[in-house]
C-alpha cells in the first residue's frame, strides 16, 4: 500500500479555523476523494504536540495500492482542482505544506 501524506506545518488563527476547516471538509476532501484509484483518505487534525515537535496543524493521508496509482492520480486535472480549492484559504494558513510518500508495511487490528 502506498501512502502519501500532505503535512500542514504551521498555524491557522483561531478566528479563521471554522472557515479554513469548512473549506477542507466541504470542498477539498470531496475533490481528493474523486482522484482515480484512491483507496482511502484521512484528515488528521492535531490535538497537541509533544515537547520539541513541529507545529503541525493537520495531515492529509491518501492511500493508493501503488506508487504508480498515486502518480497517475496526481497527474489528473483533479489535483489542479484540489489546489485551486486550497488556494481560497491558504492566506489563512501561516506555514508550509510538504509531502511524504510512505509504504504501509504492516497493519494489525489493535
N, C-alpha and C. Protein backbone atom coordinates (compact mmCIF):
# COMPACT_ATOMS: atom_id res chain seq x y z
N UNK A 1 0.85 -1.17 0.00
CA UNK A 1 0.00 0.00 0.00
C UNK A 1 0.89 1.23 0.00
N UNK A 2 0.59 2.17 -0.88
CA UNK A 2 1.32 3.43 -0.96
C UNK A 2 0.52 4.50 -0.23
N UNK A 3 1.19 5.22 0.67
CA UNK A 3 0.55 6.29 1.44
C UNK A 3 1.26 7.59 1.14
N UNK A 4 0.49 8.59 0.75
CA UNK A 4 1.03 9.93 0.50
C UNK A 4 0.43 10.85 1.55
N UNK A 5 1.30 11.53 2.29
CA UNK A 5 0.85 12.45 3.33
C UNK A 5 1.21 13.88 2.95
N UNK A 6 0.25 14.76 3.13
CA UNK A 6 0.49 16.20 3.00
C UNK A 6 0.52 16.75 4.41
N UNK A 7 1.64 17.30 4.79
CA UNK A 7 1.85 17.82 6.14
C UNK A 7 1.65 19.34 6.11
N UNK A 8 0.69 19.82 6.87
CA UNK A 8 0.44 21.25 7.01
C UNK A 8 1.16 21.71 8.28
N UNK A 9 2.41 22.10 8.13
CA UNK A 9 3.21 22.53 9.27
C UNK A 9 3.03 24.04 9.42
N UNK A 10 2.34 24.43 10.47
CA UNK A 10 2.08 25.85 10.69
C UNK A 10 0.82 26.03 11.51
N UNK A 11 0.21 27.21 11.38
CA UNK A 11 -0.94 27.55 12.21
C UNK A 11 -2.02 28.25 11.40
N UNK A 12 -3.22 28.19 11.95
CA UNK A 12 -4.36 28.95 11.46
C UNK A 12 -4.90 29.69 12.68
N UNK A 13 -5.08 30.99 12.57
CA UNK A 13 -5.60 31.76 13.70
C UNK A 13 -6.93 31.17 14.14
N UNK A 14 -7.17 31.16 15.44
CA UNK A 14 -8.39 30.55 15.98
C UNK A 14 -9.65 31.10 15.32
N UNK A 15 -9.68 32.40 15.07
CA UNK A 15 -10.86 33.01 14.45
C UNK A 15 -11.07 32.53 13.01
N UNK A 16 -10.01 32.10 12.34
CA UNK A 16 -10.09 31.65 10.94
C UNK A 16 -10.31 30.14 10.80
N UNK A 17 -10.18 29.40 11.89
CA UNK A 17 -10.26 27.95 11.81
C UNK A 17 -11.61 27.44 11.29
N UNK A 18 -12.75 28.00 11.70
CA UNK A 18 -14.01 27.47 11.14
C UNK A 18 -14.07 27.59 9.62
N UNK A 19 -13.65 28.69 9.06
CA UNK A 19 -13.66 28.84 7.60
C UNK A 19 -12.67 27.89 6.95
N UNK A 20 -11.44 27.88 7.47
CA UNK A 20 -10.40 27.01 6.93
C UNK A 20 -10.86 25.56 6.95
N UNK A 21 -11.29 25.09 8.12
CA UNK A 21 -11.70 23.70 8.27
C UNK A 21 -12.93 23.38 7.42
N UNK A 22 -13.83 24.34 7.28
CA UNK A 22 -15.02 24.13 6.47
C UNK A 22 -14.70 23.93 5.01
N UNK A 23 -13.77 24.72 4.47
CA UNK A 23 -13.38 24.55 3.06
C UNK A 23 -12.69 23.21 2.87
N UNK A 24 -11.87 22.81 3.83
CA UNK A 24 -11.23 21.49 3.74
C UNK A 24 -12.30 20.41 3.67
N UNK A 25 -13.26 20.45 4.60
CA UNK A 25 -14.29 19.42 4.68
C UNK A 25 -15.24 19.44 3.48
N UNK A 26 -15.69 20.62 3.10
CA UNK A 26 -16.75 20.73 2.09
C UNK A 26 -16.27 20.79 0.65
N UNK A 27 -15.03 21.22 0.43
CA UNK A 27 -14.53 21.35 -0.94
C UNK A 27 -13.33 20.45 -1.23
N UNK A 28 -12.29 20.56 -0.41
CA UNK A 28 -11.03 19.88 -0.72
C UNK A 28 -11.17 18.36 -0.60
N UNK A 29 -11.72 17.88 0.51
CA UNK A 29 -11.84 16.43 0.70
C UNK A 29 -12.67 15.77 -0.40
N UNK A 30 -13.85 16.30 -0.77
CA UNK A 30 -14.59 15.66 -1.86
C UNK A 30 -13.82 15.60 -3.18
N UNK A 31 -13.04 16.63 -3.47
CA UNK A 31 -12.23 16.60 -4.70
C UNK A 31 -11.19 15.50 -4.61
N UNK A 32 -10.48 15.44 -3.50
CA UNK A 32 -9.43 14.41 -3.35
C UNK A 32 -10.03 13.02 -3.41
N UNK A 33 -11.20 12.84 -2.81
CA UNK A 33 -11.84 11.52 -2.86
C UNK A 33 -12.28 11.13 -4.26
N UNK A 34 -12.31 12.09 -5.18
CA UNK A 34 -12.64 11.77 -6.58
C UNK A 34 -11.40 11.43 -7.41
N UNK A 35 -10.18 11.48 -6.80
CA UNK A 35 -8.98 11.08 -7.52
C UNK A 35 -9.15 9.63 -7.98
N UNK A 36 -8.71 9.31 -9.18
CA UNK A 36 -8.80 7.91 -9.61
C UNK A 36 -7.92 7.01 -8.75
N UNK A 37 -8.43 5.84 -8.46
CA UNK A 37 -7.73 4.77 -7.74
C UNK A 37 -7.36 5.09 -6.29
N UNK A 38 -7.91 6.16 -5.72
CA UNK A 38 -7.66 6.41 -4.30
C UNK A 38 -8.45 5.38 -3.49
N UNK A 39 -7.83 4.82 -2.49
CA UNK A 39 -8.47 3.81 -1.66
C UNK A 39 -9.12 4.43 -0.42
N UNK A 40 -8.43 5.39 0.16
CA UNK A 40 -8.91 5.99 1.40
C UNK A 40 -8.21 7.33 1.60
N UNK A 41 -8.89 8.23 2.28
CA UNK A 41 -8.30 9.50 2.68
C UNK A 41 -8.67 9.74 4.12
N UNK A 42 -7.70 10.19 4.89
CA UNK A 42 -7.96 10.61 6.26
C UNK A 42 -7.41 12.01 6.45
N UNK A 43 -8.14 12.83 7.19
CA UNK A 43 -7.66 14.15 7.60
C UNK A 43 -7.42 14.05 9.09
N UNK A 44 -6.18 14.26 9.48
CA UNK A 44 -5.78 14.17 10.88
C UNK A 44 -5.49 15.58 11.39
N UNK A 45 -6.25 16.05 12.36
CA UNK A 45 -6.05 17.39 12.90
C UNK A 45 -5.36 17.26 14.25
N UNK A 46 -4.34 18.05 14.46
CA UNK A 46 -3.53 17.99 15.67
C UNK A 46 -4.32 18.44 16.89
N UNK A 47 -4.22 17.63 17.95
CA UNK A 47 -4.78 17.99 19.25
C UNK A 47 -3.71 18.61 20.14
N UNK A 48 -2.52 18.01 20.10
CA UNK A 48 -1.40 18.53 20.89
C UNK A 48 -0.11 18.02 20.27
N UNK A 49 0.97 18.71 20.59
CA UNK A 49 2.30 18.34 20.09
C UNK A 49 3.22 18.21 21.30
N UNK A 50 3.93 17.11 21.37
CA UNK A 50 4.84 16.91 22.48
C UNK A 50 6.06 17.81 22.36
N UNK A 51 6.80 17.94 23.44
CA UNK A 51 7.96 18.82 23.51
C UNK A 51 8.87 18.66 22.30
N UNK A 52 9.18 19.76 21.66
CA UNK A 52 10.12 19.77 20.55
C UNK A 52 9.51 19.43 19.20
N UNK A 53 8.25 19.04 19.17
CA UNK A 53 7.61 18.69 17.91
C UNK A 53 7.25 19.93 17.12
N UNK A 54 7.16 19.79 15.80
CA UNK A 54 6.81 20.95 14.97
C UNK A 54 5.33 21.28 15.11
N UNK A 55 4.95 22.52 14.83
CA UNK A 55 3.55 22.92 14.92
C UNK A 55 2.76 22.46 13.69
N UNK A 56 2.34 21.21 13.70
CA UNK A 56 1.58 20.66 12.58
C UNK A 56 0.10 20.92 12.82
N UNK A 57 -0.55 21.59 11.87
CA UNK A 57 -1.98 21.87 12.00
C UNK A 57 -2.81 20.65 11.64
N UNK A 58 -2.45 20.01 10.51
CA UNK A 58 -3.18 18.83 10.07
C UNK A 58 -2.34 18.05 9.09
N UNK A 59 -2.76 16.81 8.86
CA UNK A 59 -2.11 15.93 7.89
C UNK A 59 -3.21 15.29 7.04
N UNK A 60 -3.01 15.32 5.73
CA UNK A 60 -3.86 14.54 4.82
C UNK A 60 -3.13 13.23 4.57
N UNK A 61 -3.82 12.12 4.72
CA UNK A 61 -3.24 10.81 4.43
C UNK A 61 -4.06 10.18 3.29
N UNK A 62 -3.41 9.98 2.16
CA UNK A 62 -4.07 9.39 0.99
C UNK A 62 -3.48 8.01 0.76
N UNK A 63 -4.34 7.01 0.57
CA UNK A 63 -3.86 5.65 0.36
C UNK A 63 -4.22 5.18 -1.05
N UNK A 64 -3.21 4.59 -1.69
CA UNK A 64 -3.33 4.00 -3.02
C UNK A 64 -2.71 2.62 -2.98
N UNK A 65 -3.08 1.78 -3.94
CA UNK A 65 -2.47 0.45 -3.99
C UNK A 65 -0.98 0.53 -4.30
N UNK A 66 -0.62 1.42 -5.23
CA UNK A 66 0.78 1.50 -5.66
C UNK A 66 1.22 2.97 -5.82
N UNK A 67 2.51 3.17 -5.86
CA UNK A 67 3.06 4.50 -6.13
C UNK A 67 2.64 4.97 -7.53
N UNK A 68 2.53 4.04 -8.45
CA UNK A 68 2.12 4.39 -9.81
C UNK A 68 0.67 4.89 -9.84
N UNK A 69 -0.19 4.28 -9.04
CA UNK A 69 -1.57 4.76 -8.94
C UNK A 69 -1.60 6.18 -8.38
N UNK A 70 -0.78 6.44 -7.37
CA UNK A 70 -0.72 7.79 -6.79
C UNK A 70 -0.22 8.79 -7.82
N UNK A 71 0.83 8.44 -8.52
CA UNK A 71 1.38 9.35 -9.53
C UNK A 71 0.36 9.63 -10.63
N UNK A 72 -0.37 8.62 -11.05
CA UNK A 72 -1.39 8.81 -12.08
C UNK A 72 -2.51 9.72 -11.57
N UNK A 73 -2.92 9.53 -10.33
CA UNK A 73 -3.97 10.38 -9.75
C UNK A 73 -3.51 11.84 -9.67
N UNK A 74 -2.26 12.04 -9.30
CA UNK A 74 -1.73 13.40 -9.15
C UNK A 74 -1.50 14.08 -10.50
N UNK A 75 -1.51 13.30 -11.56
CA UNK A 75 -1.32 13.87 -12.90
C UNK A 75 -2.64 14.26 -13.56
N UNK A 76 -3.75 14.04 -12.88
CA UNK A 76 -5.06 14.36 -13.46
C UNK A 76 -5.45 15.80 -13.14
N UNK A 77 -6.43 16.32 -13.85
CA UNK A 77 -6.94 17.68 -13.54
C UNK A 77 -7.53 17.80 -12.14
N UNK A 78 -7.87 16.69 -11.51
CA UNK A 78 -8.41 16.73 -10.14
C UNK A 78 -7.41 17.34 -9.16
N UNK A 79 -6.12 17.10 -9.39
CA UNK A 79 -5.13 17.69 -8.49
C UNK A 79 -5.14 19.22 -8.60
N UNK A 80 -5.20 19.72 -9.82
CA UNK A 80 -5.27 21.18 -10.02
C UNK A 80 -6.54 21.73 -9.38
N UNK A 81 -7.62 20.98 -9.48
CA UNK A 81 -8.88 21.40 -8.86
C UNK A 81 -8.74 21.47 -7.33
N UNK A 82 -8.06 20.48 -6.74
CA UNK A 82 -7.87 20.50 -5.28
C UNK A 82 -6.96 21.65 -4.86
N UNK A 83 -5.94 21.92 -5.65
CA UNK A 83 -5.05 23.05 -5.35
C UNK A 83 -5.78 24.38 -5.45
N UNK A 84 -6.69 24.50 -6.41
CA UNK A 84 -7.47 25.74 -6.55
C UNK A 84 -8.38 25.94 -5.34
N UNK A 85 -8.98 24.86 -4.86
CA UNK A 85 -9.82 24.96 -3.66
C UNK A 85 -8.99 25.35 -2.44
N UNK A 86 -7.80 24.78 -2.33
CA UNK A 86 -6.90 25.14 -1.22
C UNK A 86 -6.44 26.60 -1.32
N UNK A 87 -6.25 27.09 -2.54
CA UNK A 87 -5.77 28.46 -2.72
C UNK A 87 -6.73 29.48 -2.10
N UNK A 88 -8.02 29.14 -2.04
CA UNK A 88 -9.01 30.03 -1.44
C UNK A 88 -8.68 30.34 0.03
N UNK A 89 -8.13 29.36 0.73
CA UNK A 89 -7.92 29.51 2.17
C UNK A 89 -6.45 29.59 2.58
N UNK A 90 -5.54 29.44 1.65
CA UNK A 90 -4.12 29.47 2.01
C UNK A 90 -3.68 30.78 2.67
N UNK A 91 -4.28 31.94 2.36
CA UNK A 91 -3.89 33.14 3.09
C UNK A 91 -4.17 33.03 4.60
N UNK A 92 -5.05 32.12 5.00
CA UNK A 92 -5.35 31.93 6.42
C UNK A 92 -4.33 31.05 7.12
N UNK A 93 -3.52 30.34 6.33
CA UNK A 93 -2.55 29.39 6.87
C UNK A 93 -1.16 30.02 6.88
N UNK A 94 -0.54 30.01 8.03
CA UNK A 94 0.83 30.54 8.18
C UNK A 94 1.77 29.36 8.37
N UNK A 95 2.50 29.02 7.32
CA UNK A 95 3.41 27.90 7.42
C UNK A 95 3.73 27.33 6.06
N UNK A 96 3.99 26.03 6.03
CA UNK A 96 4.34 25.36 4.78
C UNK A 96 3.64 24.02 4.69
N UNK A 97 3.48 23.57 3.47
CA UNK A 97 2.92 22.24 3.21
C UNK A 97 3.99 21.45 2.47
N UNK A 98 4.22 20.24 2.91
CA UNK A 98 5.14 19.36 2.20
C UNK A 98 4.56 17.96 2.21
N UNK A 99 5.11 17.10 1.37
CA UNK A 99 4.57 15.76 1.18
C UNK A 99 5.61 14.70 1.53
N UNK A 100 5.11 13.61 2.06
CA UNK A 100 5.93 12.44 2.36
C UNK A 100 5.23 11.23 1.75
N UNK A 101 5.98 10.42 1.02
CA UNK A 101 5.46 9.18 0.43
C UNK A 101 5.99 8.01 1.24
N UNK A 102 5.06 7.13 1.64
CA UNK A 102 5.41 6.03 2.53
C UNK A 102 4.89 4.71 1.98
N UNK A 103 5.49 3.63 2.42
CA UNK A 103 4.96 2.30 2.17
C UNK A 103 4.31 1.81 3.45
N UNK A 104 3.07 1.39 3.38
CA UNK A 104 2.41 0.76 4.52
C UNK A 104 2.91 -0.68 4.54
N UNK A 105 3.74 -1.01 5.50
CA UNK A 105 4.36 -2.33 5.53
C UNK A 105 3.68 -3.29 6.47
N UNK A 106 2.86 -2.75 7.38
CA UNK A 106 2.18 -3.64 8.33
C UNK A 106 0.94 -2.94 8.87
N UNK A 107 -0.14 -3.70 8.98
CA UNK A 107 -1.37 -3.18 9.59
C UNK A 107 -1.96 -4.31 10.41
N UNK A 108 -2.22 -4.01 11.69
CA UNK A 108 -2.78 -5.02 12.57
C UNK A 108 -3.91 -4.40 13.38
N UNK A 109 -4.99 -5.14 13.56
CA UNK A 109 -6.01 -4.62 14.46
C UNK A 109 -5.47 -4.60 15.88
N UNK A 110 -5.86 -3.60 16.66
CA UNK A 110 -5.28 -3.49 18.00
C UNK A 110 -6.25 -3.59 19.11
